[in-house]
Amino acid sequence: MSSATEDRSIRFHQYHLADMGRIRTRKVCEIDGETLSQEEIGKGYELTKDQLVPVTNEELDQMPLPTARAIEIVAFVDRESIDPVRIADSYYLSAAGAVATKPYVLLRRALERNSKAAIAKFAWHNAWACSASATTPSSCTP
């Protein structure tokens, strides 16, 4: 998957009106008030308000997501029904290897022929993602 858009939005910074100093976001422990570095911060899953289960990056990397090397098509919709303004980031989807090329090309041609988009879910950065997949420029496809 490769990026199909470039973010050209203007970003503003917050600053102190009195001396123009940048305002920074600090990560502070709610128990002892200590400001923490990124190395001191972990991840955890909240079972209850008072019970947290720590989870390491290594554990997350070892978790097999069902769609780690595949996409699951959950629906087909008319291409015109998707409002491009509501899409935050766009990427080109392409086949990864010879085995995936034939089904990918068949899907792409079917979408083109029927003016449809595929709504799919897949693994993206150790999490689930949802996507609307329409046809891509021929230079980006096998």
C-alpha atoms as a PDB file:
ATOM      1  CA  MET A   1       0.000   0.000   0.000  1.00  0.00           C
ATOM      2  CA  SER A   2       1.365   3.430  -0.877  1.00  0.00           C
ATOM      3  CA  SER A   3       0.140   6.948  -0.155  1.00  0.00           C
ATOM      4  CA  ALA A   4      -2.073   8.493  -2.838  1.00  0.00           C
ATOM      5  CA  THR A   5      -2.287  11.959  -1.311  1.00  0.00           C
ATOM      6  CA  GLU A   6      -0.095  14.580   0.236  1.00  0.00           C
ATOM      7  CA  ASP A   7      -1.192  16.514   3.311  1.00  0.00           C
ATOM      8  CA  ARG A   8      -1.003  20.222   2.431  1.00  0.00           C
ATOM      9  CA  SER A   9      -3.036  21.537   5.318  1.00  0.00           C
ATOM     10  CA  ILE A  10      -1.809  24.480   7.354  1.00  0.00           C
ATOM     11  CA  ARG A  11      -0.866  23.632  10.920  1.00  0.00           C
ATOM     12  CA  PHE A  12      -0.747  26.195  13.694  1.00  0.00           C
ATOM     13  CA  HIS A  13       1.261  26.039  16.911  1.00  0.00           C
ATOM     14  CA  GLN A  14       0.154  27.307  20.275  1.00  0.00           C
ATOM     15  CA  TYR A  15       2.350  29.951  21.897  1.00  0.00           C
ATOM     16  CA  HIS A  16       2.522  32.080  25.043  1.00  0.00           C
ATOM     17  CA  LEU A  17       1.190  35.565  24.202  1.00  0.00           C
ATOM     18  CA  ALA A  18       3.554  37.309  26.637  1.00  0.00           C
ATOM     19  CA  ASP A  19       6.877  36.023  25.224  1.00  0.00           C
ATOM     20  CA  MET A  20       5.993  33.948  22.091  1.00  0.00           C
ATOM     21  CA  GLY A  21       7.282  30.731  23.736  1.00  0.00           C
ATOM     22  CA  ARG A  22       5.889  27.502  22.224  1.00  0.00           C
ATOM     23  CA  ILE A  23       3.382  25.619  24.355  1.00  0.00           C
ATOM     24  CA  ARG A  24       4.268  21.930  24.740  1.00  0.00           C
ATOM     25  CA  THR A  25       2.133  18.976  25.705  1.00  0.00           C
ATOM     26  CA  ARG A  26       3.600  17.145  28.674  1.00  0.00           C
ATOM     27  CA  LYS A  27       2.757  13.570  29.627  1.00  0.00           C
ATOM     28  CA  VAL A  28       2.113  13.613  33.366  1.00  0.00           C
ATOM     29  CA  CYS A  29       1.341  10.679  35.677  1.00  0.00           C
ATOM     30  CA  GLU A  30      -2.062  11.226  37.294  1.00  0.00           C
ATOM     31  CA  ILE A  31      -0.919   9.505  40.511  1.00  0.00           C
ATOM     32  CA  ASP A  32       2.348  11.274  41.398  1.00  0.00           C
ATOM     33  CA  GLY A  33       2.273  14.290  39.036  1.00  0.00           C
ATOM     34  CA  GLU A  34       5.660  13.381  37.531  1.00  0.00           C
ATOM     35  CA  THR A  35       6.368  14.461  33.918  1.00  0.00           C
ATOM     36  CA  LEU A  36       7.365  11.320  31.983  1.00  0.00           C
ATOM     37  CA  SER A  37       9.598  10.621  29.000  1.00  0.00           C
ATOM     38  CA  GLN A  38       8.340   8.345  26.216  1.00  0.00           C
ATOM     39  CA  GLU A  39      10.571   5.525  27.513  1.00  0.00           C
ATOM     40  CA  GLU A  40       8.701   5.574  30.843  1.00  0.00           C
ATOM     41  CA  ILE A  41       5.262   5.159  29.258  1.00  0.00           C
ATOM     42  CA  GLY A  42       3.674   1.764  28.594  1.00  0.00           C
ATOM     43  CA  LYS A  43       0.424   0.500  27.085  1.00  0.00           C
ATOM     44  CA  GLY A  44      -2.324  -1.335  28.866  1.00  0.00           C
ATOM     45  CA  TYR A  45      -5.858  -2.606  28.478  1.00  0.00           C
ATOM     46  CA  GLU A  46      -8.369  -1.381  31.071  1.00  0.00           C
ATOM     47  CA  LEU A  47     -10.407  -4.305  32.379  1.00  0.00           C
ATOM     48  CA  THR A  48     -12.175  -2.211  35.024  1.00  0.00           C
ATOM     49  CA  LYS A  49     -11.726   1.330  36.291  1.00  0.00           C
ATOM     50  CA  ASP A  50      -9.170   0.055  38.836  1.00  0.00           C
ATOM     51  CA  GLN A  51      -7.590  -2.838  36.902  1.00  0.00           C
ATOM     52  CA  LEU A  52      -5.139  -2.391  34.038  1.00  0.00           C
ATOM     53  CA  VAL A  53      -3.389  -5.223  32.137  1.00  0.00           C
ATOM     54  CA  PRO A  54       0.036  -4.158  30.801  1.00  0.00           C
ATOM     55  CA  VAL A  55       0.732  -4.985  27.141  1.00  0.00           C
ATOM     56  CA  THR A  56       4.192  -4.691  25.555  1.00  0.00           C
ATOM     57  CA  ASN A  57       5.049  -3.822  21.952  1.00  0.00           C
ATOM     58  CA  GLU A  58       6.605  -7.296  21.628  1.00  0.00           C
ATOM     59  CA  GLU A  59       3.313  -8.910  22.651  1.00  0.00           C
ATOM     60  CA  LEU A  60       1.428  -6.785  20.128  1.00  0.00           C
ATOM     61  CA  ASP A  61       3.898  -7.732  17.382  1.00  0.00           C
ATOM     62  CA  GLN A  62       3.345 -11.438  18.125  1.00  0.00           C
ATOM     63  CA  MET A  63      -0.450 -11.201  17.932  1.00  0.00           C
ATOM     64  CA  PRO A  64      -1.622 -12.583  14.600  1.00  0.00           C
ATOM     65  CA  LEU A  65      -4.349 -10.463  13.072  1.00  0.00           C
ATOM     66  CA  PRO A  66      -6.692 -12.540  10.883  1.00  0.00           C
ATOM     67  CA  THR A  67      -6.157 -10.200   7.947  1.00  0.00           C
ATOM     68  CA  ALA A  68      -2.412  -9.631   8.365  1.00  0.00           C
ATOM     69  CA  ARG A  69      -1.767 -10.528   4.713  1.00  0.00           C
ATOM     70  CA  ALA A  70      -5.253 -10.177   3.267  1.00  0.00           C
ATOM     71  CA  ILE A  71      -8.181  -7.826   3.008  1.00  0.00           C
ATOM     72  CA  GLU A  72     -11.734  -8.829   3.809  1.00  0.00           C
ATOM     73  CA  ILE A  73     -14.366  -7.310   1.510  1.00  0.00           C
ATOM     74  CA  VAL A  74     -17.423  -6.614   3.659  1.00  0.00           C
ATOM     75  CA  ALA A  75     -19.605  -4.753   1.100  1.00  0.00           C
ATOM     76  CA  PHE A  76     -19.792  -3.284  -2.380  1.00  0.00           C
ATOM     77  CA  VAL A  77     -21.252   0.206  -2.863  1.00  0.00           C
ATOM     78  CA  ASP A  78     -21.794   2.598  -5.755  1.00  0.00           C
ATOM     79  CA  ARG A  79     -18.594   4.578  -6.277  1.00  0.00           C
ATOM     80  CA  GLU A  80     -20.566   7.846  -6.388  1.00  0.00           C
ATOM     81  CA  SER A  81     -21.981   7.197  -2.907  1.00  0.00           C
ATOM     82  CA  ILE A  82     -18.569   7.802  -1.321  1.00  0.00           C
ATOM     83  CA  ASP A  83     -17.955  11.466  -0.498  1.00  0.00           C
ATOM     84  CA  PRO A  84     -14.223  12.144  -1.066  1.00  0.00           C
ATOM     85  CA  VAL A  85     -14.352  15.016   1.425  1.00  0.00           C
ATOM     86  CA  ARG A  86     -14.925  12.495   4.232  1.00  0.00           C
ATOM     87  CA  ILE A  87     -11.794  10.493   3.392  1.00  0.00           C
ATOM     88  CA  ALA A  88      -8.875  11.492   5.627  1.00  0.00           C
ATOM     89  CA  ASP A  89      -6.010   9.657   3.870  1.00  0.00           C
ATOM     90  CA  SER A  90      -5.862   7.926   0.491  1.00  0.00           C
ATOM     91  CA  TYR A  91      -3.609   5.044  -0.485  1.00  0.00           C
ATOM     92  CA  TYR A  92      -3.145   2.940  -3.591  1.00  0.00           C
ATOM     93  CA  LEU A  93      -3.769  -0.735  -3.005  1.00  0.00           C
ATOM     94  CA  SER A  94      -1.642  -3.112  -5.038  1.00  0.00           C
ATOM     95  CA  ALA A  95      -1.007  -6.842  -5.188  1.00  0.00           C
ATOM     96  CA  ALA A  96       1.852  -8.195  -3.091  1.00  0.00           C
ATOM     97  CA  GLY A  97       3.461 -10.928  -5.147  1.00  0.00           C
ATOM     98  CA  ALA A  98       2.470 -13.211  -7.976  1.00  0.00           C
ATOM     99  CA  VAL A  99      -0.112 -15.197  -5.986  1.00  0.00           C
ATOM    100  CA  ALA A 100      -2.131 -12.053  -5.207  1.00  0.00           C
ATOM    101  CA  THR A 101      -1.953 -10.509  -8.676  1.00  0.00           C
ATOM    102  CA  LYS A 102      -4.743 -12.500 -10.380  1.00  0.00           C
ATOM    103  CA  PRO A 103      -7.432 -11.976  -7.685  1.00  0.00           C
ATOM    104  CA  TYR A 104      -6.399  -8.332  -7.367  1.00  0.00           C
ATOM    105  CA  VAL A 105      -6.735  -7.702 -11.105  1.00  0.00           C
ATOM    106  CA  LEU A 106     -10.104  -9.513 -11.200  1.00  0.00           C
ATOM    107  CA  LEU A 107     -11.387  -7.365  -8.322  1.00  0.00           C
ATOM    108  CA  ARG A 108     -10.099  -4.161  -9.921  1.00  0.00           C
ATOM    109  CA  ARG A 109     -11.733  -4.969 -13.270  1.00  0.00           C
ATOM    110  CA  ALA A 110     -15.047  -5.913 -11.626  1.00  0.00           C
ATOM    111  CA  LEU A 111     -15.079  -2.644  -9.681  1.00  0.00           C
ATOM    112  CA  GLU A 112     -14.334  -0.647 -12.852  1.00  0.00           C
ATOM    113  CA  ARG A 113     -16.940  -2.481 -14.932  1.00  0.00           C
ATOM    114  CA  ASN A 114     -19.706  -1.973 -12.360  1.00  0.00           C
ATOM    115  CA  SER A 115     -18.734   1.520 -11.091  1.00  0.00           C
ATOM    116  CA  LYS A 116     -18.466   0.090  -7.586  1.00  0.00           C
ATOM    117  CA  ALA A 117     -16.162   0.500  -4.618  1.00  0.00           C
ATOM    118  CA  ALA A 118     -15.310  -2.260  -2.164  1.00  0.00           C
ATOM    119  CA  ILE A 119     -15.603  -1.608   1.558  1.00  0.00           C
ATOM    120  CA  ALA A 120     -12.881  -3.679   3.197  1.00  0.00           C
ATOM    121  CA  LYS A 121     -11.196  -4.266   6.531  1.00  0.00           C
ATOM    122  CA  PHE A 122      -7.583  -5.223   6.977  1.00  0.00           C
ATOM    123  CA  ALA A 123      -4.658  -5.086   9.393  1.00  0.00           C
ATOM    124  CA  TRP A 124      -2.847  -1.743   9.463  1.00  0.00           C
ATOM    125  CA  HIS A 125      -0.159  -0.880  12.033  1.00  0.00           C
ATOM    126  CA  ASN A 126      -1.195  -3.646  14.472  1.00  0.00           C
ATOM    127  CA  ALA A 127      -4.851  -2.602  14.396  1.00  0.00           C
ATOM    128  CA  TRP A 128      -7.965  -3.036  12.272  1.00  0.00           C
ATOM    129  CA  ALA A 129      -8.641  -0.515   9.533  1.00  0.00           C
ATOM    130  CA  CYS A 130     -11.655   0.032   7.326  1.00  0.00           C
ATOM    131  CA  SER A 131     -11.296   1.120   3.729  1.00  0.00           C
ATOM    132  CA  ALA A 132     -13.228   2.024   0.627  1.00  0.00           C
ATOM    133  CA  SER A 133     -11.369   0.608  -2.353  1.00  0.00           C
ATOM    134  CA  ALA A 134     -12.103   1.981  -5.796  1.00  0.00           C
ATOM    135  CA  THR A 135     -10.067   1.529  -8.960  1.00  0.00           C
ATOM    136  CA  THR A 136      -6.572   2.977  -9.148  1.00  0.00           C
ATOM    137  CA  PRO A 137      -4.583   4.507 -11.987  1.00  0.00           C
ATOM    138  CA  SER A 138      -3.189   1.853 -14.318  1.00  0.00           C
ATOM    139  CA  SER A 139       0.383   2.929 -13.536  1.00  0.00           C
ATOM    140  CA  CYS A 140      -0.078   1.723  -9.933  1.00  0.00           C
ATOM    141  CA  THR A 141      -1.492  -1.696 -10.686  1.00  0.00           C
ATOM    142  CA  PRO A 142       0.008  -4.911 -12.051  1.00  0.00           C
END
